[in-house]
C-alpha atoms as a PDB file:
ATOM      1  CA  MET A   1     -51.251  -6.526   0.499  1.00  0.00           C
ATOM      2  CA  GLU A   2     -48.987  -4.787  -2.071  1.00  0.00           C
ATOM      3  CA  ARG A   3     -50.261  -2.257  -4.355  1.00  0.00           C
ATOM      4  CA  GLU A   4     -49.456  -2.270  -7.942  1.00  0.00           C
ATOM      5  CA  LEU A   5     -46.920   0.419  -9.173  1.00  0.00           C
ATOM      6  CA  THR A   6     -48.176   3.208 -11.420  1.00  0.00           C
ATOM      7  CA  PRO A   7     -46.375   3.584 -14.843  1.00  0.00           C
ATOM      8  CA  SER A   8     -44.477   6.655 -13.467  1.00  0.00           C
ATOM      9  CA  GLU A   9     -43.516   4.856 -10.373  1.00  0.00           C
ATOM     10  CA  SER A  10     -42.225   1.875 -12.321  1.00  0.00           C
ATOM     11  CA  LEU A  11     -40.209   4.133 -14.672  1.00  0.00           C
ATOM     12  CA  LYS A  12     -38.672   5.800 -11.501  1.00  0.00           C
ATOM     13  CA  LEU A  13     -37.707   2.556 -10.030  1.00  0.00           C
ATOM     14  CA  ILE A  14     -36.139   1.423 -13.278  1.00  0.00           C
ATOM     15  CA  GLU A  15     -34.202   4.638 -13.502  1.00  0.00           C
ATOM     16  CA  THR A  16     -32.886   4.320  -9.951  1.00  0.00           C
ATOM     17  CA  MET A  17     -31.817   0.694 -10.614  1.00  0.00           C
ATOM     18  CA  ILE A  18     -30.066   1.826 -13.811  1.00  0.00           C
ATOM     19  CA  GLY A  19     -28.311   4.587 -12.003  1.00  0.00           C
ATOM     20  CA  GLN A  20     -27.188   2.123  -9.232  1.00  0.00           C
ATOM     21  CA  ALA A  21     -25.748  -0.129 -12.047  1.00  0.00           C
ATOM     22  CA  LYS A  22     -23.974   2.867 -13.732  1.00  0.00           C
ATOM     23  CA  GLN A  23     -22.280   3.811 -10.472  1.00  0.00           C
ATOM     24  CA  SER A  24     -21.204   0.221  -9.845  1.00  0.00           C
ATOM     25  CA  PHE A  25     -19.577   0.260 -13.365  1.00  0.00           C
ATOM     26  CA  GLN A  26     -17.996   3.375 -12.785  1.00  0.00           C
ATOM     27  CA  ARG A  27     -15.961   2.212  -9.777  1.00  0.00           C
ATOM     28  CA  ASN A  28     -14.490  -1.091 -11.372  1.00  0.00           C
ATOM     29  CA  SER A  29     -12.417  -0.206 -14.234  1.00  0.00           C
ATOM     30  CA  PHE A  30      -9.800   1.645 -12.148  1.00  0.00           C
ATOM     31  CA  TYR A  31      -8.929  -1.443  -9.996  1.00  0.00           C
ATOM     32  CA  PHE A  32      -8.454  -3.664 -12.872  1.00  0.00           C
ATOM     33  CA  MET A  33      -6.160  -1.342 -14.703  1.00  0.00           C
ATOM     34  CA  LEU A  34      -4.338  -0.258 -11.549  1.00  0.00           C
ATOM     35  CA  TRP A  35      -3.587  -3.744 -10.413  1.00  0.00           C
ATOM     36  CA  GLY A  36      -2.927  -5.012 -13.904  1.00  0.00           C
ATOM     37  CA  VAL A  37      -0.184  -2.420 -14.432  1.00  0.00           C
ATOM     38  CA  LEU A  38       1.342  -2.820 -10.925  1.00  0.00           C
ATOM     39  CA  LEU A  39       1.421  -6.473 -10.998  1.00  0.00           C
ATOM     40  CA  ILE A  40       2.814  -6.746 -14.463  1.00  0.00           C
ATOM     41  CA  ALA A  41       5.581  -4.335 -13.320  1.00  0.00           C
ATOM     42  CA  ALA A  42       6.224  -6.483 -10.280  1.00  0.00           C
ATOM     43  CA  MET A  43       6.560  -9.663 -12.178  1.00  0.00           C
ATOM     44  CA  ALA A  44       8.866  -7.985 -14.696  1.00  0.00           C
ATOM     45  CA  VAL A  45      11.145  -6.452 -12.091  1.00  0.00           C
ATOM     46  CA  ASN A  46      11.175  -9.774 -10.043  1.00  0.00           C
ATOM     47  CA  TYR A  47      11.904 -11.737 -13.065  1.00  0.00           C
ATOM     48  CA  LEU A  48      14.722  -9.492 -14.619  1.00  0.00           C
ATOM     49  CA  MET A  49      16.336  -9.104 -11.118  1.00  0.00           C
ATOM     50  CA  ALA A  50      16.266 -12.917 -10.658  1.00  0.00           C
ATOM     51  CA  ALA A  51      17.703 -13.429 -13.994  1.00  0.00           C
ATOM     52  CA  ASN A  52      20.592 -11.294 -13.177  1.00  0.00           C
ATOM     53  CA  GLY A  53      21.206 -13.252  -9.820  1.00  0.00           C
ATOM     54  CA  ASP A  54      19.632 -10.567  -7.549  1.00  0.00           C
ATOM     55  CA  PRO A  55      17.310 -12.169  -5.035  1.00  0.00           C
ATOM     56  CA  ARG A  56      15.852  -8.610  -4.101  1.00  0.00           C
ATOM     57  CA  GLY A  57      13.508  -8.682  -7.214  1.00  0.00           C
ATOM     58  CA  SER A  58      10.748 -10.292  -4.808  1.00  0.00           C
ATOM     59  CA  TYR A  59      10.581  -7.043  -2.889  1.00  0.00           C
ATOM     60  CA  ALA A  60       8.765  -5.631  -6.025  1.00  0.00           C
ATOM     61  CA  TRP A  61       5.784  -7.462  -4.920  1.00  0.00           C
ATOM     62  CA  GLY A  62       5.648  -5.817  -1.545  1.00  0.00           C
ATOM     63  CA  VAL A  63       6.204  -2.403  -3.035  1.00  0.00           C
ATOM     64  CA  VAL A  64       3.467  -2.732  -5.528  1.00  0.00           C
ATOM     65  CA  GLY A  65       1.224  -4.318  -2.762  1.00  0.00           C
ATOM     66  CA  ILE A  66       1.511  -1.311  -0.693  1.00  0.00           C
ATOM     67  CA  ILE A  67       1.180   1.210  -3.531  1.00  0.00           C
ATOM     68  CA  GLY A  68      -1.733  -0.645  -4.914  1.00  0.00           C
ATOM     69  CA  GLY A  69      -3.466  -1.124  -1.513  1.00  0.00           C
ATOM     70  CA  ILE A  70      -3.013   2.759  -0.735  1.00  0.00           C
ATOM     71  CA  ALA A  71      -4.374   3.803  -4.170  1.00  0.00           C
ATOM     72  CA  SER A  72      -7.211   1.376  -4.010  1.00  0.00           C
ATOM     73  CA  VAL A  73      -8.377   2.458  -0.453  1.00  0.00           C
ATOM     74  CA  VAL A  74      -8.026   6.242  -1.391  1.00  0.00           C
ATOM     75  CA  HIS A  75      -9.990   5.663  -4.626  1.00  0.00           C
ATOM     76  CA  GLY A  76     -12.515   3.569  -2.852  1.00  0.00           C
ATOM     77  CA  ALA A  77     -13.072   6.138  -0.044  1.00  0.00           C
ATOM     78  CA  ARG A  78     -13.480   9.014  -2.712  1.00  0.00           C
ATOM     79  CA  GLU A  79     -15.874   6.977  -4.698  1.00  0.00           C
ATOM     80  CA  GLY A  80     -17.724   6.046  -1.532  1.00  0.00           C
ATOM     81  CA  LYS A  81     -18.379   9.651  -0.537  1.00  0.00           C
ATOM     82  CA  LYS A  82     -19.880  10.283  -4.069  1.00  0.00           C
ATOM     83  CA  GLN A  83     -22.246   7.289  -3.645  1.00  0.00           C
ATOM     84  CA  LEU A  84     -25.153   7.928  -1.649  1.00  0.00           C
ATOM     85  CA  VAL A  85     -26.443   4.343  -1.634  1.00  0.00           C
ATOM     86  CA  SER A  86     -24.627   0.995  -1.478  1.00  0.00           C
ATOM     87  CA  SER A  87     -26.359  -1.653  -3.431  1.00  0.00           C
ATOM     88  CA  PHE A  88     -26.356  -5.477  -2.554  1.00  0.00           C
ATOM     89  CA  MET A  89     -24.093  -6.099  -5.564  1.00  0.00           C
ATOM     90  CA  ASP A  90     -21.588  -3.481  -4.310  1.00  0.00           C
ATOM     91  CA  ARG A  91     -21.260  -5.267  -1.020  1.00  0.00           C
ATOM     92  CA  VAL A  92     -21.035  -8.808  -2.671  1.00  0.00           C
ATOM     93  CA  MET A  93     -18.167  -7.448  -4.714  1.00  0.00           C
ATOM     94  CA  LEU A  94     -16.477  -5.873  -1.849  1.00  0.00           C
ATOM     95  CA  TRP A  95     -16.599  -9.045   0.262  1.00  0.00           C
ATOM     96  CA  LEU A  96     -15.625 -11.130  -2.607  1.00  0.00           C
ATOM     97  CA  TRP A  97     -12.346  -9.123  -3.339  1.00  0.00           C
ATOM     98  CA  MET A  98     -11.601  -8.647   0.320  1.00  0.00           C
ATOM     99  CA  GLY A  99     -11.786 -12.382   0.683  1.00  0.00           C
ATOM    100  CA  PHE A 100      -9.513 -12.859  -2.293  1.00  0.00           C
ATOM    101  CA  VAL A 101      -6.949 -10.623  -0.802  1.00  0.00           C
ATOM    102  CA  ALA A 102      -7.121 -12.275   2.620  1.00  0.00           C
ATOM    103  CA  THR A 103      -6.726 -15.861   0.920  1.00  0.00           C
ATOM    104  CA  LEU A 104      -3.936 -14.527  -1.187  1.00  0.00           C
ATOM    105  CA  LEU A 105      -1.976 -12.828   1.623  1.00  0.00           C
ATOM    106  CA  ILE A 106      -2.415 -16.006   3.965  1.00  0.00           C
ATOM    107  CA  SER A 107      -1.083 -18.151   1.012  1.00  0.00           C
ATOM    108  CA  LEU A 108       1.820 -15.920   0.448  1.00  0.00           C
ATOM    109  CA  PHE A 109       2.924 -15.257   4.084  1.00  0.00           C
ATOM    110  CA  GLY A 110       2.193 -18.787   5.081  1.00  0.00           C
ATOM    111  CA  GLY A 111       4.180 -20.314   2.188  1.00  0.00           C
ATOM    112  CA  ALA A 112       6.968 -18.007   2.802  1.00  0.00           C
ATOM    113  CA  THR A 113       7.106 -18.629   6.454  1.00  0.00           C
ATOM    114  CA  ALA A 114       7.049 -22.280   6.120  1.00  0.00           C
ATOM    115  CA  GLY A 115       9.715 -22.215   3.535  1.00  0.00           C
ATOM    116  CA  HIS A 116       7.657 -23.659   0.606  1.00  0.00           C
ATOM    117  CA  GLY A 117       6.856 -20.335  -1.363  1.00  0.00           C
ATOM    118  CA  VAL A 118       3.725 -20.166  -3.352  1.00  0.00           C
ATOM    119  CA  PRO A 119       3.797 -21.414  -6.931  1.00  0.00           C
ATOM    120  CA  VAL A 120       2.981 -18.693  -9.264  1.00  0.00           C
ATOM    121  CA  GLY A 121       0.417 -21.017 -10.866  1.00  0.00           C
ATOM    122  CA  SER A 122      -1.511 -21.082  -7.613  1.00  0.00           C
ATOM    123  CA  ILE A 123      -1.711 -17.260  -7.675  1.00  0.00           C
ATOM    124  CA  ILE A 124      -2.789 -17.027 -11.262  1.00  0.00           C
ATOM    125  CA  VAL A 125      -5.449 -19.782 -10.647  1.00  0.00           C
ATOM    126  CA  LEU A 126      -6.655 -17.995  -7.482  1.00  0.00           C
ATOM    127  CA  THR A 127      -6.927 -14.847  -9.321  1.00  0.00           C
ATOM    128  CA  GLY A 128      -9.402 -16.437 -11.676  1.00  0.00           C
ATOM    129  CA  LEU A 129     -12.064 -16.828  -9.066  1.00  0.00           C
ATOM    130  CA  PRO A 130     -12.924 -13.293  -8.200  1.00  0.00           C
ATOM    131  CA  THR A 131     -12.404 -12.242 -11.753  1.00  0.00           C
ATOM    132  CA  PHE A 132     -14.606 -14.696 -13.067  1.00  0.00           C
ATOM    133  CA  VAL A 133     -17.474 -14.026 -10.377  1.00  0.00           C
ATOM    134  CA  THR A 134     -17.100 -10.292 -10.884  1.00  0.00           C
ATOM    135  CA  GLY A 135     -17.567 -10.702 -14.675  1.00  0.00           C
ATOM    136  CA  GLN A 136     -20.677 -12.838 -13.811  1.00  0.00           C
ATOM    137  CA  LEU A 137     -22.068 -10.240 -11.518  1.00  0.00           C
ATOM    138  CA  LEU A 138     -21.468  -7.376 -13.918  1.00  0.00           C
ATOM    139  CA  ARG A 139     -22.565  -9.535 -16.924  1.00  0.00           C
ATOM    140  CA  PHE A 140     -19.370  -8.352 -18.524  1.00  0.00           C
ATOM    141  CA  ARG A 141     -17.837 -11.137 -20.797  1.00  0.00           C
ATOM    142  CA  PRO A 142     -14.396  -9.734 -21.016  1.00  0.00           C
ATOM    143  CA  LEU A 143     -13.963 -10.210 -17.192  1.00  0.00           C
ATOM    144  CA  ILE A 144     -15.651 -13.804 -17.433  1.00  0.00           C
ATOM    145  CA  PHE A 145     -13.205 -14.690 -20.122  1.00  0.00           C
ATOM    146  CA  GLY A 146     -10.422 -13.164 -18.227  1.00  0.00           C
ATOM    147  CA  GLY A 147     -11.194 -15.382 -15.138  1.00  0.00           C
ATOM    148  CA  ILE A 148     -11.286 -18.394 -17.476  1.00  0.00           C
ATOM    149  CA  LEU A 149      -7.920 -17.319 -18.970  1.00  0.00           C
ATOM    150  CA  PHE A 150      -6.493 -17.101 -15.405  1.00  0.00           C
ATOM    151  CA  TRP A 151      -7.534 -20.711 -14.593  1.00  0.00           C
ATOM    152  CA  VAL A 152      -6.219 -22.169 -17.778  1.00  0.00           C
ATOM    153  CA  LEU A 153      -2.856 -20.247 -17.715  1.00  0.00           C
ATOM    154  CA  GLY A 154      -2.448 -20.962 -14.092  1.00  0.00           C
ATOM    155  CA  ALA A 155      -2.967 -24.568 -14.675  1.00  0.00           C
ATOM    156  CA  VAL A 156      -0.373 -24.592 -17.550  1.00  0.00           C
ATOM    157  CA  ALA A 157       1.999 -22.709 -15.135  1.00  0.00           C
ATOM    158  CA  PHE A 158       2.271 -25.703 -12.960  1.00  0.00           C
ATOM    159  CA  PHE A 159       4.102 -27.553 -15.855  1.00  0.00           C
ATOM    160  CA  VAL A 160       6.648 -24.966 -17.326  1.00  0.00           C
ATOM    161  CA  ASP A 161       9.876 -23.498 -16.167  1.00  0.00           C
ATOM    162  CA  VAL A 162      10.176 -20.155 -14.333  1.00  0.00           C
ATOM    163  CA  GLN A 163      10.715 -18.142 -17.500  1.00  0.00           C
ATOM    164  CA  ALA A 164       7.382 -19.436 -19.135  1.00  0.00           C
ATOM    165  CA  THR A 165       5.683 -19.017 -15.691  1.00  0.00           C
ATOM    166  CA  ALA A 166       6.543 -15.303 -15.680  1.00  0.00           C
ATOM    167  CA  LEU A 167       5.449 -14.844 -19.286  1.00  0.00           C
ATOM    168  CA  LEU A 168       2.075 -16.755 -18.463  1.00  0.00           C
ATOM    169  CA  TYR A 169       1.467 -14.491 -15.509  1.00  0.00           C
ATOM    170  CA  ILE A 170       2.130 -11.397 -17.584  1.00  0.00           C
ATOM    171  CA  ILE A 171      -0.223 -12.631 -20.262  1.00  0.00           C
ATOM    172  CA  ALA A 172      -2.796 -13.431 -17.733  1.00  0.00           C
ATOM    173  CA  MET A 173      -2.625  -9.935 -16.227  1.00  0.00           C
ATOM    174  CA  VAL A 174      -2.743  -8.207 -19.649  1.00  0.00           C
ATOM    175  CA  PHE A 175      -5.754 -10.273 -20.962  1.00  0.00           C
ATOM    176  CA  GLY A 176      -7.400 -10.877 -17.616  1.00  0.00           C
ATOM    177  CA  TYR A 177      -7.088  -7.380 -16.019  1.00  0.00           C
ATOM    178  CA  LEU A 178      -5.864  -4.804 -18.438  1.00  0.00           C
ATOM    179  CA  VAL A 179      -7.798  -5.540 -21.543  1.00  0.00           C
ATOM    180  CA  PRO A 180     -11.303  -6.028 -19.573  1.00  0.00           C
ATOM    181  CA  GLY A 181     -10.287  -3.036 -17.315  1.00  0.00           C
ATOM    182  CA  TYR A 182     -10.033  -0.793 -20.558  1.00  0.00           C
ATOM    183  CA  LEU A 183     -13.096  -2.249 -22.110  1.00  0.00           C
ATOM    184  CA  LEU A 184     -14.949  -1.707 -18.888  1.00  0.00           C
ATOM    185  CA  LYS A 185     -13.730   1.997 -18.693  1.00  0.00           C
ATOM    186  CA  ARG A 186     -14.956   2.489 -22.340  1.00  0.00           C
ATOM    187  CA  GLN A 187     -18.423   1.125 -21.297  1.00  0.00           C
ATOM    188  CA  GLU A 188     -18.430   3.349 -18.022  1.00  0.00           C
ATOM    189  CA  ASP A 189     -17.584   6.391 -20.395  1.00  0.00           C
ATOM    190  CA  GLY A 190     -20.420   5.416 -22.692  1.00  0.00           C
ATOM    191  CA  LEU A 191     -22.778   5.080 -19.527  1.00  0.00           C
ATOM    192  CA  ARG A 192     -21.777   8.612 -18.534  1.00  0.00           C
ATOM    193  CA  THR A 193     -22.520  10.208 -21.758  1.00  0.00           C
ATOM    194  CA  ALA A 194     -25.853   8.297 -22.262  1.00  0.00           C
END
């Protein structure tokens, strides 16, 4: 039989839950801003080099993948040491994004190995899923709208030329990652001062 919590125990439980939510918020903006900047840079380099006839522009994706991967792992390890408890939501988000990365890498390497390549539209659409779900889990509308924007612009990307696809990709990253990341950072900073 469960006993009823006293008012002070209820307040302590609520404070603990709010503290865990604050910690979760405090780790997310970094990744959206980091990857937004890196992926926009990769697309810009790839596009500009391809426009000038240099096929090595695609190497930018590998370079930013390595840089972003290392920065994400280092940041995650540092944050993990600060955090005493891992919440259920933390684990869900970790596995969601790890599943996304695995699916993306399999798609990229599989398409390249088979000689098909991977349409940028597919990458944009795929990116919408974890962005949208993260927004829903955090109840953070800018990420929800960012996920929806990835889906819409990804769908459009299947029907336009390469130049327009590159522009759609950059727009998706700015408004799907950078803007929500910045707004999330502002919210995190507000939670820290509260």
